[in-house]
Protein backbone atom coordinates (compact mmCIF):
# COMPACT_ATOMS: atom_id res chain seq x y z
CA MET A 1 -36.36 -1.74 -43.84
CA ILE A 2 -36.27 -3.98 -46.44
CA ALA A 3 -38.18 -7.30 -46.16
CA LYS A 4 -37.28 -10.47 -48.25
CA GLY A 5 -39.21 -13.97 -48.35
CA LYS A 6 -38.04 -17.57 -48.70
CA MET A 7 -40.49 -20.36 -48.82
CA ASN A 8 -39.61 -23.20 -46.15
CA ILE A 9 -41.30 -26.58 -45.64
CA ILE A 10 -41.44 -27.24 -42.26
CA GLY A 11 -42.35 -31.32 -41.78
CA GLU A 12 -45.39 -31.21 -43.81
CA SER A 13 -46.62 -27.54 -44.01
CA VAL A 14 -45.33 -24.76 -46.24
CA HIS A 15 -44.09 -21.27 -44.74
CA LEU A 16 -43.68 -17.92 -45.54
CA GLU A 17 -40.88 -16.56 -44.42
CA ILE A 18 -39.62 -13.00 -43.71
CA ASP A 19 -36.16 -11.99 -42.88
CA PHE A 20 -34.87 -8.79 -42.48
CA GLU A 21 -31.14 -7.17 -43.05
CA ASN A 22 -29.76 -6.50 -39.35
CA CYS A 23 -32.57 -7.70 -37.69
CA ASP A 24 -32.94 -10.53 -34.84
CA TRP A 25 -36.24 -11.07 -35.34
CA PHE A 26 -38.34 -12.40 -38.46
CA ILE A 27 -42.02 -13.21 -39.18
CA ASN A 28 -43.43 -16.95 -40.12
CA ILE A 29 -46.55 -17.10 -42.14
CA ARG A 30 -48.36 -20.46 -42.66
CA ARG A 31 -51.56 -21.65 -43.45
CA ILE A 32 -53.57 -23.93 -39.96
CA ASP A 33 -55.20 -26.28 -42.14
CA MET A 34 -50.89 -26.71 -43.53
CA LYS A 35 -51.85 -26.56 -46.57
CA ASP A 36 -49.83 -24.81 -49.94
CA ASP A 37 -50.36 -21.69 -50.82
CA LYS A 38 -49.00 -19.96 -54.21
CA ARG A 39 -48.67 -17.10 -53.04
CA PHE A 40 -45.72 -17.67 -51.32
CA ASP A 41 -44.06 -19.73 -53.96
CA ALA A 42 -44.41 -16.49 -55.89
CA LEU A 43 -43.08 -14.96 -52.69
CA ASN A 44 -40.12 -16.18 -52.48
CA ASN A 45 -36.62 -14.49 -53.18
CA GLN A 46 -38.82 -11.87 -53.58
CA GLU A 47 -38.82 -8.30 -51.96
CA VAL A 48 -41.85 -8.67 -49.42
CA TYR A 49 -44.29 -4.98 -48.52
CA PRO A 50 -46.48 -4.69 -45.78
CA ALA A 51 -49.67 -4.82 -48.15
CA GLN A 52 -48.53 -8.24 -49.55
CA ILE A 53 -48.15 -9.57 -45.52
CA ALA A 54 -52.01 -7.45 -44.80
CA GLU A 55 -53.64 -10.06 -47.88
CA PHE A 56 -52.85 -12.58 -44.90
CA VAL A 57 -53.57 -11.19 -42.00
CA PRO A 58 -55.95 -8.40 -42.67
CA ASN A 59 -56.73 -7.49 -39.56
CA TRP A 60 -53.86 -7.60 -38.12
CA GLN A 61 -53.79 -4.05 -36.38
CA ASN A 62 -56.70 -5.64 -33.93
CA LEU A 63 -55.84 -8.61 -32.63
CA GLU A 64 -54.45 -9.37 -30.15
CA TRP A 65 -50.87 -11.59 -29.95
CA GLN A 66 -49.92 -14.18 -28.22
CA HIS A 67 -46.79 -14.85 -26.20
CA VAL A 68 -45.36 -18.35 -27.20
CA SER A 69 -43.11 -19.69 -25.04
CA ILE A 70 -40.55 -22.73 -25.89
CA GLU A 71 -37.89 -22.01 -23.09
CA GLY A 72 -34.48 -22.23 -24.60
CA ILE A 73 -36.02 -22.39 -27.68
CA SER A 74 -37.17 -19.68 -29.39
CA LYS A 75 -39.23 -16.39 -28.32
CA GLU A 76 -42.14 -15.55 -30.71
CA VAL A 77 -45.70 -14.42 -30.84
CA TYR A 78 -48.59 -14.79 -32.57
CA ILE A 79 -51.84 -13.68 -33.98
CA GLN A 80 -54.41 -15.68 -36.03
CA ASP A 81 -56.80 -14.37 -38.77
CA GLY A 82 -58.44 -16.80 -40.62
CA ASP A 83 -56.88 -19.33 -42.84
CA TYR A 84 -53.18 -18.09 -41.34
CA LYS A 85 -50.72 -17.85 -38.67
CA LEU A 86 -48.23 -15.26 -38.51
CA ASN A 87 -45.84 -15.82 -36.25
CA LEU A 88 -42.80 -12.96 -35.05
CA ILE A 89 -39.57 -15.21 -34.15
CA CYS A 90 -36.83 -13.57 -32.27
CA LEU A 91 -33.35 -15.00 -32.24
CA LYS A 92 -32.60 -16.91 -29.20
CA GLU A 93 -29.15 -15.71 -28.74
CA SER A 94 -30.55 -11.83 -29.44
CA GLN A 95 -31.33 -9.45 -26.73
CA VAL A 96 -34.62 -8.82 -28.92
CA ASP A 97 -37.62 -9.77 -26.95
CA PRO A 98 -40.90 -10.50 -28.65
CA ASP A 99 -42.57 -7.00 -27.75
CA THR A 100 -40.02 -5.48 -29.22
CA ALA A 101 -40.57 -7.29 -32.43
CA ILE A 102 -44.12 -6.53 -32.19
CA GLN A 103 -43.43 -2.58 -32.23
CA GLU A 104 -40.74 -3.16 -35.47
CA PHE A 105 -43.30 -5.39 -36.58
CA THR A 106 -46.01 -2.53 -36.66
CA LYS A 107 -43.23 0.53 -37.34
CA PHE A 108 -42.61 -1.25 -40.78
CA MET A 109 -46.44 -2.27 -41.29
CA THR A 110 -48.06 1.44 -40.53
CA ASN A 111 -44.91 3.41 -42.54
CA LYS A 112 -44.93 1.15 -45.94
CA LEU A 113 -48.84 1.21 -45.99
CA LYS A 114 -49.15 5.16 -45.91
């Protein structure tokens, strides 16, 4: 899986969106305090590696995923680590569920970190 970063501004908050080729879910990372992070700029339109994602959520393997239920809008889960929140967001029209996205995220992170 190849991950590509894209910086987004949603409201007053700067987010880093990470998309995968041929994948029905994506990653969204933001600071909890909604402030900008210059590391997002550096990853904009760049390939993103698991080690870079782990810089934002270093304890990702030990955190419990929380489900977000926004009926008809999105299917997603998130973890929060220190100053950052990482969401796995499934495209609403896809058949992929958040648990499958977690499995694929874990595989991406562990296979590439070895």
